[in-house]
Amino acid sequence: RAARRAEAAQPRWQVTLCGSVRTAKNPASPLQKTRALGMHLRDRIILRGDGGRSLQRVYSNKTSRPEFDPGYQKQKQKPEMIGHDLGELSITHKPGKHSRPGIRAAASSFFDP
């Protein structure tokens, strides 16, 4: 399905984004670092030309340090990511933490060794 979507005619916003990815990947001088490109497009497919990018920032609606990077998660692009959506690789929920039961969670919680 992803291959069919990549082969189809691309809308204007996607062509513009691919151009900005290309320019961000090739800095003006060899001493400059490639900057991380931030985007809200979680449904964008990672294409073959994106594999050389070192970092991309994908919006995940979580604010870890809002003064620096509000709601974005950094991703390193690897060859095995080609063909996947950007949103598949960015976690949007906080993983659950399993610890002791809460107050009066069950009768067995009174006898916690």
Protein backbone atom coordinates (compact mmCIF):
# COMPACT_ATOMS: atom_id res chain seq x y z
CA ARG A 1 0.00 0.00 0.00
CA ALA A 2 2.82 2.39 0.83
CA ALA A 3 4.51 1.73 -2.51
CA ARG A 4 1.30 2.51 -4.40
CA ARG A 5 0.90 5.71 -2.43
CA ALA A 6 4.50 6.74 -3.17
CA GLU A 7 4.09 6.06 -6.91
CA ALA A 8 0.87 8.07 -7.18
CA ALA A 9 0.90 11.71 -8.20
CA GLN A 10 2.14 13.74 -5.26
CA PRO A 11 0.21 16.77 -4.06
CA ARG A 12 1.86 20.18 -4.13
CA TRP A 13 2.66 20.26 -0.38
CA GLN A 14 4.54 16.97 -0.66
CA VAL A 15 6.63 18.17 -3.60
CA THR A 16 7.48 21.32 -1.63
CA LEU A 17 8.41 19.25 1.41
CA CYS A 18 10.66 16.94 -0.63
CA GLY A 19 12.46 20.03 -1.92
CA SER A 20 13.00 21.35 1.60
CA VAL A 21 14.25 17.92 2.72
CA ARG A 22 16.75 17.93 -0.14
CA THR A 23 18.02 21.43 0.66
CA ALA A 24 18.26 20.66 4.38
CA LYS A 25 20.20 17.48 3.60
CA ASN A 26 22.82 19.36 1.57
CA PRO A 27 24.21 22.22 3.69
CA ALA A 28 25.90 25.23 2.09
CA SER A 29 29.40 24.32 3.26
CA PRO A 30 30.88 20.96 4.26
CA LEU A 31 31.64 22.26 7.78
CA GLN A 32 27.96 22.92 8.56
CA LYS A 33 25.88 20.26 10.26
CA THR A 34 22.60 19.24 8.65
CA ARG A 35 19.78 20.73 10.68
CA ALA A 36 16.92 18.59 11.92
CA LEU A 37 13.82 19.25 9.84
CA GLY A 38 10.64 19.43 11.93
CA MET A 39 7.31 18.40 10.45
CA HIS A 40 3.74 17.67 11.47
CA LEU A 41 3.19 15.24 8.59
CA ARG A 42 2.99 11.94 10.43
CA ASP A 43 1.48 10.20 7.39
CA ARG A 44 4.45 10.98 5.13
CA ILE A 45 6.26 7.92 3.77
CA ILE A 46 10.01 7.75 4.26
CA LEU A 47 11.47 7.62 0.76
CA ARG A 48 14.81 6.39 -0.49
CA GLY A 49 16.25 9.90 -0.72
CA ASP A 50 15.52 10.53 2.96
CA GLY A 51 17.85 7.76 4.10
CA GLY A 52 20.88 10.02 4.13
CA ARG A 53 19.30 12.48 6.55
CA SER A 54 20.77 12.31 9.97
CA LEU A 55 17.83 13.74 11.91
CA GLN A 56 14.19 14.56 11.41
CA ARG A 57 11.81 15.87 14.04
CA VAL A 58 8.29 14.46 13.98
CA TYR A 59 5.44 16.06 15.90
CA SER A 60 4.14 13.81 18.67
CA ASN A 61 2.05 16.28 20.74
CA LYS A 62 4.27 15.71 23.78
CA THR A 63 6.25 18.49 25.38
CA SER A 64 9.33 17.22 27.12
CA ARG A 65 11.32 20.47 27.02
CA PRO A 66 9.03 23.13 25.56
CA GLU A 67 11.71 25.83 25.60
CA PHE A 68 13.80 23.89 23.05
CA ASP A 69 11.62 21.48 21.10
CA PRO A 70 7.88 21.79 21.80
CA GLY A 71 6.16 18.51 21.00
CA TYR A 72 8.72 17.04 18.60
CA GLN A 73 10.67 13.80 18.77
CA LYS A 74 13.98 13.43 16.96
CA GLN A 75 14.48 10.43 14.70
CA LYS A 76 17.59 9.10 13.03
CA GLN A 77 16.84 7.86 9.54
CA LYS A 78 18.02 4.31 8.87
CA PRO A 79 17.73 2.23 5.67
CA GLU A 80 15.27 -0.21 7.27
CA MET A 81 12.79 2.66 7.86
CA ILE A 82 12.21 3.19 4.13
CA GLY A 83 8.57 2.57 3.20
CA HIS A 84 7.19 3.25 6.69
CA ASP A 85 5.22 6.30 7.79
CA LEU A 86 6.93 8.86 10.01
CA GLY A 87 4.15 8.50 12.57
CA GLU A 88 4.81 4.79 13.03
CA LEU A 89 8.23 5.55 14.45
CA SER A 90 7.27 8.38 16.81
CA ILE A 91 5.66 7.42 20.12
CA THR A 92 2.66 9.57 21.05
CA HIS A 93 1.82 8.06 24.43
CA LYS A 94 3.71 7.79 27.67
CA PRO A 95 4.51 4.12 28.36
CA GLY A 96 2.70 2.74 31.40
CA LYS A 97 4.60 2.20 34.60
CA HIS A 98 3.56 -0.84 36.61
CA SER A 99 4.25 -0.52 40.29
CA ARG A 100 2.37 -1.28 43.49
CA PRO A 101 -1.44 -1.01 43.52
CA GLY A 102 -3.07 2.19 44.73
CA ILE A 103 -4.88 2.79 48.00
CA ARG A 104 -7.76 0.34 48.47
CA ALA A 105 -7.19 -1.14 45.01
CA ALA A 106 -7.95 -4.63 46.27
CA ALA A 107 -8.18 -6.48 49.55
CA SER A 108 -4.81 -8.09 48.87
CA SER A 109 -3.08 -4.70 48.88
CA PHE A 110 -3.33 -4.57 52.68
CA PHE A 111 -0.97 -7.55 52.97
CA ASP A 112 1.88 -6.16 50.91
CA PRO A 113 5.14 -7.77 52.12
